[in-house]
């Protein structure tokens, strides 16, 4: 397999992964719209659409598809729909995995070491008096 063929395979995997992520994104946009309508009715604040998050999400799907095609190997039969759907599924689900890894890593880096937050402390216990409550 030549270098050009390898690059084409990786690009194909990336595009299929981006397509799979696009399907996931369409479902997410529908849910975002439904949540926004629901929050408008209730009078609450709804999550806003973010174009930068959309682009990042499609890029992550591209990366997940490219990784899947590298792991799977070259597509020997381009008409094989199972392989195409598998790579699309990798873009769909692989994006969740990659985003989860990054979110966990960022959370660990941004959290101060050995520092507990007030929210981590237990509240009042039943056998301890609460000075805020008066009889």
Protein backbone atom coordinates (compact mmCIF):
# COMPACT_ATOMS: atom_id res chain seq x y z
CA UNK A 1 0.00 0.00 0.00
CA UNK A 2 1.44 3.35 -1.02
CA UNK A 3 1.56 6.42 1.19
CA UNK A 4 -1.12 8.12 -0.91
CA UNK A 5 -3.43 5.12 -0.45
CA UNK A 6 -2.81 5.16 3.31
CA UNK A 7 -3.59 8.88 3.51
CA UNK A 8 -6.75 8.36 1.46
CA UNK A 9 -7.87 5.55 3.81
CA UNK A 10 -7.27 7.72 6.88
CA UNK A 11 -9.14 10.63 5.29
CA UNK A 12 -12.01 8.32 4.36
CA UNK A 13 -12.14 7.04 7.94
CA UNK A 14 -12.07 10.60 9.24
CA UNK A 15 -14.87 11.71 6.94
CA UNK A 16 -17.00 8.70 7.88
CA UNK A 17 -16.33 9.43 11.55
CA UNK A 18 -17.31 13.08 11.04
CA UNK A 19 -20.51 11.89 9.34
CA UNK A 20 -21.28 9.64 12.31
CA UNK A 21 -20.63 12.55 14.65
CA UNK A 22 -22.88 14.72 12.47
CA UNK A 23 -25.71 12.25 13.05
CA UNK A 24 -25.06 12.43 16.79
CA UNK A 25 -24.94 16.20 16.57
CA UNK A 26 -28.31 16.33 14.78
CA UNK A 27 -29.86 14.34 17.63
CA UNK A 28 -28.20 16.68 20.14
CA UNK A 29 -29.46 19.80 18.34
CA UNK A 30 -32.99 18.40 18.37
CA UNK A 31 -32.68 17.74 22.10
CA UNK A 32 -31.24 21.23 22.67
CA UNK A 33 -34.21 22.75 20.84
CA UNK A 34 -36.69 20.66 22.83
CA UNK A 35 -34.98 21.60 26.13
CA UNK A 36 -34.99 25.28 25.14
CA UNK A 37 -38.72 25.21 24.39
CA UNK A 38 -39.34 23.39 27.68
CA UNK A 39 -37.26 25.91 29.63
CA UNK A 40 -38.98 28.85 27.90
CA UNK A 41 -42.33 27.49 29.04
CA UNK A 42 -41.05 27.00 32.61
CA UNK A 43 -39.27 30.37 32.60
CA UNK A 44 -35.80 28.92 33.21
CA UNK A 45 -32.50 29.35 31.44
CA UNK A 46 -31.65 26.87 28.69
CA UNK A 47 -28.25 25.92 27.31
CA UNK A 48 -27.26 28.04 24.33
CA UNK A 49 -26.00 26.78 20.97
CA UNK A 50 -22.22 27.03 20.59
CA UNK A 51 -20.75 27.03 17.06
CA UNK A 52 -17.24 26.43 18.38
CA UNK A 53 -18.42 23.35 20.28
CA UNK A 54 -20.12 22.13 17.09
CA UNK A 55 -16.91 22.43 15.06
CA UNK A 56 -14.86 20.79 17.83
CA UNK A 57 -17.38 17.95 18.02
CA UNK A 58 -17.14 17.26 14.28
CA UNK A 59 -13.35 17.36 14.48
CA UNK A 60 -13.41 14.84 17.33
CA UNK A 61 -15.64 12.59 15.21
CA UNK A 62 -13.12 12.93 12.37
CA UNK A 63 -10.29 11.89 14.70
CA UNK A 64 -12.30 8.94 16.08
CA UNK A 65 -13.05 7.72 12.53
CA UNK A 66 -9.42 8.09 11.47
CA UNK A 67 -8.26 6.14 14.52
CA UNK A 68 -10.86 3.44 13.81
CA UNK A 69 -9.68 3.01 10.21
CA UNK A 70 -6.05 2.83 11.37
CA UNK A 71 -6.95 0.10 13.87
CA UNK A 72 -9.24 -1.78 11.44
CA UNK A 73 -6.94 -1.61 8.45
CA UNK A 74 -7.65 -0.70 4.84
CA UNK A 75 -11.12 -1.07 3.38
CA UNK A 76 -10.72 -3.85 0.84
CA UNK A 77 -14.32 -3.75 -0.42
CA UNK A 78 -15.68 -0.17 -0.64
CA UNK A 79 -19.18 -1.55 -1.26
CA UNK A 80 -19.23 -3.32 2.11
CA UNK A 81 -21.82 -1.33 4.06
CA UNK A 82 -20.94 -3.03 7.34
CA UNK A 83 -17.46 -1.51 7.32
CA UNK A 84 -18.84 1.93 6.45
CA UNK A 85 -21.40 1.80 9.27
CA UNK A 86 -18.75 0.53 11.69
CA UNK A 87 -16.50 3.51 11.00
CA UNK A 88 -19.48 5.89 11.24
CA UNK A 89 -20.38 4.29 14.58
CA UNK A 90 -16.81 4.84 15.74
CA UNK A 91 -17.21 8.55 14.99
CA UNK A 92 -20.57 8.58 16.76
CA UNK A 93 -19.49 6.79 19.92
CA UNK A 94 -15.77 7.49 19.84
CA UNK A 95 -16.44 11.17 20.25
CA UNK A 96 -18.09 10.47 23.62
CA UNK A 97 -15.02 8.53 24.70
CA UNK A 98 -12.54 11.21 23.56
CA UNK A 99 -14.60 14.05 25.10
CA UNK A 100 -14.87 12.09 28.36
CA UNK A 101 -11.11 11.58 28.53
CA UNK A 102 -10.44 15.26 27.89
CA UNK A 103 -13.08 16.45 30.37
CA UNK A 104 -11.68 14.14 33.06
CA UNK A 105 -8.11 15.28 32.35
CA UNK A 106 -9.06 18.96 32.39
CA UNK A 107 -11.03 18.52 35.62
CA UNK A 108 -8.03 16.88 37.29
CA UNK A 109 -5.68 19.62 36.11
CA UNK A 110 -7.97 22.46 37.19
CA UNK A 111 -8.87 21.02 40.64
CA UNK A 112 -6.55 22.13 43.44
CA UNK A 113 -4.68 19.24 45.02
CA UNK A 114 -5.74 18.08 48.51
CA UNK A 115 -8.21 20.93 48.93
CA UNK A 116 -11.76 20.15 49.93
CA UNK A 117 -14.62 22.37 48.93
CA UNK A 118 -17.36 23.39 51.32
CA UNK A 119 -19.77 21.36 49.20
CA UNK A 120 -17.67 18.26 49.92
CA UNK A 121 -18.22 18.65 53.67
CA UNK A 122 -21.17 16.81 55.17
CA UNK A 123 -24.13 18.86 56.28
CA UNK A 124 -25.63 18.85 59.76
CA UNK A 125 -26.07 15.44 61.27
CA UNK A 126 -29.31 14.47 63.02
CA UNK A 127 -27.67 14.06 66.45
CA UNK A 128 -25.99 17.49 66.32
CA UNK A 129 -27.94 20.63 67.17
CA UNK A 130 -28.53 23.09 64.37
CA UNK A 131 -28.18 26.69 65.64
CA UNK A 132 -30.28 27.99 62.73
CA UNK A 133 -33.38 26.16 63.93
CA UNK A 134 -35.14 27.57 66.99
CA UNK A 135 -38.04 26.01 68.77
